[in-house]
């Protein structure tokens, strides 16, 4: 038998941000990600989910 599976992995990192509001904090983190100041890697692994979705 053959099956299709979906594997989802979650990378997670907490960072401290100085900002005057939640919206500003979000924008600052978003910019840091875009500028590659925050790059998640295997050390940030948090969770894995495996689902068998169909029999092929």
PDB file of N, CA and C in Angstrom:
ATOM      1  N   UNK A   1       0.837  -1.193   0.000  1.00  0.00           N
ATOM      2  CA  UNK A   1       0.000   0.000   0.000  1.00  0.00           C
ATOM      3  C   UNK A   1       0.881   1.255   0.000  1.00  0.00           C
ATOM      4  N   UNK A   2       0.361   2.304  -0.588  1.00  0.00           N
ATOM      5  CA  UNK A   2       1.040   3.604  -0.582  1.00  0.00           C
ATOM      6  C   UNK A   2       0.108   4.631   0.043  1.00  0.00           C
ATOM      7  N   UNK A   3       0.717   5.569   0.757  1.00  0.00           N
ATOM      8  CA  UNK A   3      -0.040   6.626   1.414  1.00  0.00           C
ATOM      9  C   UNK A   3       0.622   7.965   1.146  1.00  0.00           C
ATOM     10  N   UNK A   4      -0.160   9.026   1.211  1.00  0.00           N
ATOM     11  CA  UNK A   4       0.377  10.382   1.186  1.00  0.00           C
ATOM     12  C   UNK A   4       0.367  10.898   2.613  1.00  0.00           C
ATOM     13  N   UNK A   5       1.433  11.571   2.969  1.00  0.00           N
ATOM     14  CA  UNK A   5       1.540  12.151   4.304  1.00  0.00           C
ATOM     15  C   UNK A   5       1.921  13.619   4.187  1.00  0.00           C
ATOM     16  N   UNK A   6       1.447  14.384   5.134  1.00  0.00           N
ATOM     17  CA  UNK A   6       1.824  15.790   5.243  1.00  0.00           C
ATOM     18  C   UNK A   6       2.598  15.944   6.545  1.00  0.00           C
ATOM     19  N   UNK A   7       3.805  16.478   6.436  1.00  0.00           N
ATOM     20  CA  UNK A   7       4.640  16.724   7.609  1.00  0.00           C
ATOM     21  C   UNK A   7       4.751  18.237   7.785  1.00  0.00           C
ATOM     22  N   UNK A   8       4.397  18.717   8.970  1.00  0.00           N
ATOM     23  CA  UNK A   8       4.494  20.132   9.280  1.00  0.00           C
ATOM     24  C   UNK A   8       5.408  20.285  10.486  1.00  0.00           C
ATOM     25  N   UNK A   9       6.416  21.149  10.360  1.00  0.00           N
ATOM     26  CA  UNK A   9       7.298  21.430  11.483  1.00  0.00           C
ATOM     27  C   UNK A   9       7.205  22.913  11.826  1.00  0.00           C
ATOM     28  N   UNK A  10       7.295  23.201  13.104  1.00  0.00           N
ATOM     29  CA  UNK A  10       7.186  24.567  13.594  1.00  0.00           C
ATOM     30  C   UNK A  10       8.532  24.988  14.178  1.00  0.00           C
ATOM     31  N   UNK A  11       9.001  26.145  13.738  1.00  0.00           N
ATOM     32  CA  UNK A  11      10.183  26.775  14.317  1.00  0.00           C
ATOM     33  C   UNK A  11       9.692  27.965  15.129  1.00  0.00           C
ATOM     34  N   UNK A  12      10.284  28.162  16.306  1.00  0.00           N
ATOM     35  CA  UNK A  12       9.789  29.204  17.209  1.00  0.00           C
ATOM     36  C   UNK A  12      10.954  29.829  17.962  1.00  0.00           C
ATOM     37  N   UNK A  13      10.922  31.159  18.070  1.00  0.00           N
ATOM     38  CA  UNK A  13      11.938  31.874  18.848  1.00  0.00           C
ATOM     39  C   UNK A  13      11.277  33.081  19.510  1.00  0.00           C
ATOM     40  N   UNK A  14      11.601  33.297  20.761  1.00  0.00           N
ATOM     41  CA  UNK A  14      11.132  34.498  21.455  1.00  0.00           C
ATOM     42  C   UNK A  14      12.223  35.554  21.376  1.00  0.00           C
ATOM     43  N   UNK A  15      11.836  36.768  21.060  1.00  0.00           N
ATOM     44  CA  UNK A  15      12.771  37.901  21.026  1.00  0.00           C
ATOM     45  C   UNK A  15      12.159  39.053  21.812  1.00  0.00           C
ATOM     46  N   UNK A  16      12.987  39.832  22.473  1.00  0.00           N
ATOM     47  CA  UNK A  16      12.511  41.014  23.186  1.00  0.00           C
ATOM     48  C   UNK A  16      12.637  42.226  22.268  1.00  0.00           C
ATOM     49  N   UNK A  17      11.578  43.025  22.223  1.00  0.00           N
ATOM     50  CA  UNK A  17      11.528  44.191  21.343  1.00  0.00           C
ATOM     51  C   UNK A  17      11.142  45.415  22.166  1.00  0.00           C
ATOM     52  N   UNK A  18      11.884  46.502  22.006  1.00  0.00           N
ATOM     53  CA  UNK A  18      11.483  47.788  22.579  1.00  0.00           C
ATOM     54  C   UNK A  18      10.678  48.533  21.522  1.00  0.00           C
ATOM     55  N   UNK A  19       9.428  48.854  21.868  1.00  0.00           N
ATOM     56  CA  UNK A  19       8.567  49.583  20.941  1.00  0.00           C
ATOM     57  C   UNK A  19       7.455  50.259  21.741  1.00  0.00           C
ATOM     58  N   UNK A  20       6.939  51.371  21.239  1.00  0.00           N
ATOM     59  CA  UNK A  20       5.899  52.096  21.976  1.00  0.00           C
ATOM     60  C   UNK A  20       4.513  51.432  21.947  1.00  0.00           C
ATOM     61  N   UNK A  21       4.297  50.494  21.022  1.00  0.00           N
ATOM     62  CA  UNK A  21       2.987  49.835  20.937  1.00  0.00           C
ATOM     63  C   UNK A  21       3.142  48.432  20.355  1.00  0.00           C
ATOM     64  N   UNK A  22       2.095  47.655  20.477  1.00  0.00           N
ATOM     65  CA  UNK A  22       2.102  46.294  19.915  1.00  0.00           C
ATOM     66  C   UNK A  22       2.285  46.343  18.395  1.00  0.00           C
ATOM     67  N   UNK A  23       1.590  47.283  17.749  1.00  0.00           N
ATOM     68  CA  UNK A  23       1.700  47.415  16.294  1.00  0.00           C
ATOM     69  C   UNK A  23       3.120  47.749  15.865  1.00  0.00           C
ATOM     70  N   UNK A  24       3.759  48.646  16.620  1.00  0.00           N
ATOM     71  CA  UNK A  24       5.147  49.008  16.314  1.00  0.00           C
ATOM     72  C   UNK A  24       6.082  47.828  16.547  1.00  0.00           C
ATOM     73  N   UNK A  25       5.813  47.063  17.594  1.00  0.00           N
ATOM     74  CA  UNK A  25       6.637  45.882  17.873  1.00  0.00           C
ATOM     75  C   UNK A  25       6.514  44.887  16.725  1.00  0.00           C
ATOM     76  N   UNK A  26       5.287  44.672  16.243  1.00  0.00           N
ATOM     77  CA  UNK A  26       5.069  43.767  15.110  1.00  0.00           C
ATOM     78  C   UNK A  26       5.849  44.249  13.885  1.00  0.00           C
ATOM     79  N   UNK A  27       5.721  45.548  13.585  1.00  0.00           N
ATOM     80  CA  UNK A  27       6.417  46.105  12.414  1.00  0.00           C
ATOM     81  C   UNK A  27       7.930  45.962  12.540  1.00  0.00           C
ATOM     82  N   UNK A  28       8.445  46.165  13.744  1.00  0.00           N
ATOM     83  CA  UNK A  28       9.891  46.067  13.949  1.00  0.00           C
ATOM     84  C   UNK A  28      10.365  44.626  13.734  1.00  0.00           C
ATOM     85  N   UNK A  29       9.633  43.659  14.296  1.00  0.00           N
ATOM     86  CA  UNK A  29      10.004  42.250  14.111  1.00  0.00           C
ATOM     87  C   UNK A  29       9.877  41.861  12.642  1.00  0.00           C
ATOM     88  N   UNK A  30       8.830  42.317  11.986  1.00  0.00           N
ATOM     89  CA  UNK A  30       8.649  42.008  10.560  1.00  0.00           C
ATOM     90  C   UNK A  30       9.826  42.546   9.739  1.00  0.00           C
ATOM     91  N   UNK A  31      10.276  43.755  10.057  1.00  0.00           N
ATOM     92  CA  UNK A  31      11.439  44.325   9.366  1.00  0.00           C
ATOM     93  C   UNK A  31      12.706  43.530   9.662  1.00  0.00           C
ATOM     94  N   UNK A  32      12.867  43.105  10.908  1.00  0.00           N
ATOM     95  CA  UNK A  32      14.049  42.330  11.282  1.00  0.00           C
ATOM     96  C   UNK A  32      14.089  41.005  10.527  1.00  0.00           C
ATOM     97  N   UNK A  33      12.935  40.400  10.335  1.00  0.00           N
ATOM     98  CA  UNK A  33      12.865  39.154   9.565  1.00  0.00           C
ATOM     99  C   UNK A  33      13.219  39.433   8.101  1.00  0.00           C
ATOM    100  N   UNK A  34      12.631  40.473   7.534  1.00  0.00           N
ATOM    101  CA  UNK A  34      12.910  40.828   6.135  1.00  0.00           C
ATOM    102  C   UNK A  34      14.377  41.154   5.907  1.00  0.00           C
ATOM    103  N   UNK A  35      15.017  41.773   6.906  1.00  0.00           N
ATOM    104  CA  UNK A  35      16.428  42.159   6.798  1.00  0.00           C
ATOM    105  C   UNK A  35      17.381  41.043   7.241  1.00  0.00           C
ATOM    106  N   UNK A  36      16.828  39.851   7.487  1.00  0.00           N
ATOM    107  CA  UNK A  36      17.604  38.671   7.908  1.00  0.00           C
ATOM    108  C   UNK A  36      18.324  38.880   9.242  1.00  0.00           C
ATOM    109  N   UNK A  37      17.796  39.767  10.082  1.00  0.00           N
ATOM    110  CA  UNK A  37      18.332  39.913  11.430  1.00  0.00           C
ATOM    111  C   UNK A  37      17.808  38.785  12.329  1.00  0.00           C
ATOM    112  N   UNK A  38      16.647  38.262  11.985  1.00  0.00           N
ATOM    113  CA  UNK A  38      16.081  37.092  12.659  1.00  0.00           C
ATOM    114  C   UNK A  38      15.934  36.011  11.601  1.00  0.00           C
ATOM    115  N   UNK A  39      16.680  34.928  11.768  1.00  0.00           N
ATOM    116  CA  UNK A  39      16.603  33.796  10.848  1.00  0.00           C
ATOM    117  C   UNK A  39      16.460  32.537  11.704  1.00  0.00           C
ATOM    118  N   UNK A  40      15.332  31.879  11.590  1.00  0.00           N
ATOM    119  CA  UNK A  40      15.100  30.666  12.358  1.00  0.00           C
ATOM    120  C   UNK A  40      15.831  29.492  11.722  1.00  0.00           C
ATOM    121  N   UNK A  41      16.335  28.601  12.589  1.00  0.00           N
ATOM    122  CA  UNK A  41      17.038  27.420  12.096  1.00  0.00           C
ATOM    123  C   UNK A  41      16.668  26.212  12.956  1.00  0.00           C
ATOM    124  N   UNK A  42      17.383  25.126  12.792  1.00  0.00           N
ATOM    125  CA  UNK A  42      17.059  23.871  13.483  1.00  0.00           C
ATOM    126  C   UNK A  42      17.065  24.029  15.002  1.00  0.00           C
ATOM    127  N   UNK A  43      17.844  24.949  15.529  1.00  0.00           N
ATOM    128  CA  UNK A  43      17.869  25.174  16.977  1.00  0.00           C
ATOM    129  C   UNK A  43      16.552  25.754  17.495  1.00  0.00           C
ATOM    130  N   UNK A  44      15.722  26.275  16.594  1.00  0.00           N
ATOM    131  CA  UNK A  44      14.438  26.868  16.966  1.00  0.00           C
ATOM    132  C   UNK A  44      13.274  25.879  16.815  1.00  0.00           C
ATOM    133  N   UNK A  45      13.600  24.611  16.557  1.00  0.00           N
ATOM    134  CA  UNK A  45      12.550  23.596  16.377  1.00  0.00           C
ATOM    135  C   UNK A  45      11.657  23.549  17.608  1.00  0.00           C
ATOM    136  N   UNK A  46      10.331  23.516  17.375  1.00  0.00           N
ATOM    137  CA  UNK A  46       9.375  23.519  18.471  1.00  0.00           C
ATOM    138  C   UNK A  46       8.412  22.329  18.433  1.00  0.00           C
ATOM    139  N   UNK A  47       7.938  21.958  17.234  1.00  0.00           N
ATOM    140  CA  UNK A  47       6.897  20.938  17.169  1.00  0.00           C
ATOM    141  C   UNK A  47       6.860  20.306  15.781  1.00  0.00           C
ATOM    142  N   UNK A  48       6.315  19.098  15.724  1.00  0.00           N
ATOM    143  CA  UNK A  48       6.146  18.397  14.446  1.00  0.00           C
ATOM    144  C   UNK A  48       4.777  17.722  14.449  1.00  0.00           C
ATOM    145  N   UNK A  49       4.129  17.768  13.300  1.00  0.00           N
ATOM    146  CA  UNK A  49       2.840  17.098  13.125  1.00  0.00           C
ATOM    147  C   UNK A  49       2.925  16.262  11.853  1.00  0.00           C
ATOM    148  N   UNK A  50       2.509  15.009  11.941  1.00  0.00           N
ATOM    149  CA  UNK A  50       2.469  14.119  10.770  1.00  0.00           C
ATOM    150  C   UNK A  50       1.044  13.663  10.595  1.00  0.00           C
ATOM    151  N   UNK A  51       0.505  13.843   9.396  1.00  0.00           N
ATOM    152  CA  UNK A  51      -0.858  13.418   9.088  1.00  0.00           C
ATOM    153  C   UNK A  51      -0.867  12.581   7.823  1.00  0.00           C
ATOM    154  N   UNK A  52      -1.490  11.448   7.904  1.00  0.00           N
ATOM    155  CA  UNK A  52      -1.707  10.623   6.711  1.00  0.00           C
ATOM    156  C   UNK A  52      -3.005  11.115   6.102  1.00  0.00           C
ATOM    157  N   UNK A  53      -2.917  11.597   4.839  1.00  0.00           N
ATOM    158  CA  UNK A  53      -4.093  12.238   4.260  1.00  0.00           C
ATOM    159  C   UNK A  53      -4.869  11.377   3.271  1.00  0.00           C
ATOM    160  N   UNK A  54      -4.205  10.381   2.661  1.00  0.00           N
ATOM    161  CA  UNK A  54      -4.959   9.528   1.752  1.00  0.00           C
ATOM    162  C   UNK A  54      -4.179   8.276   1.406  1.00  0.00           C
ATOM    163  N   UNK A  55      -4.897   7.288   1.004  1.00  0.00           N
ATOM    164  CA  UNK A  55      -4.340   6.042   0.524  1.00  0.00           C
ATOM    165  C   UNK A  55      -4.274   6.143  -0.994  1.00  0.00           C
ATOM    166  N   UNK A  56      -3.087   5.940  -1.589  1.00  0.00           N
ATOM    167  CA  UNK A  56      -2.963   6.063  -3.048  1.00  0.00           C
ATOM    168  C   UNK A  56      -2.627   4.714  -3.658  1.00  0.00           C
TER     169      UNK A  56
END
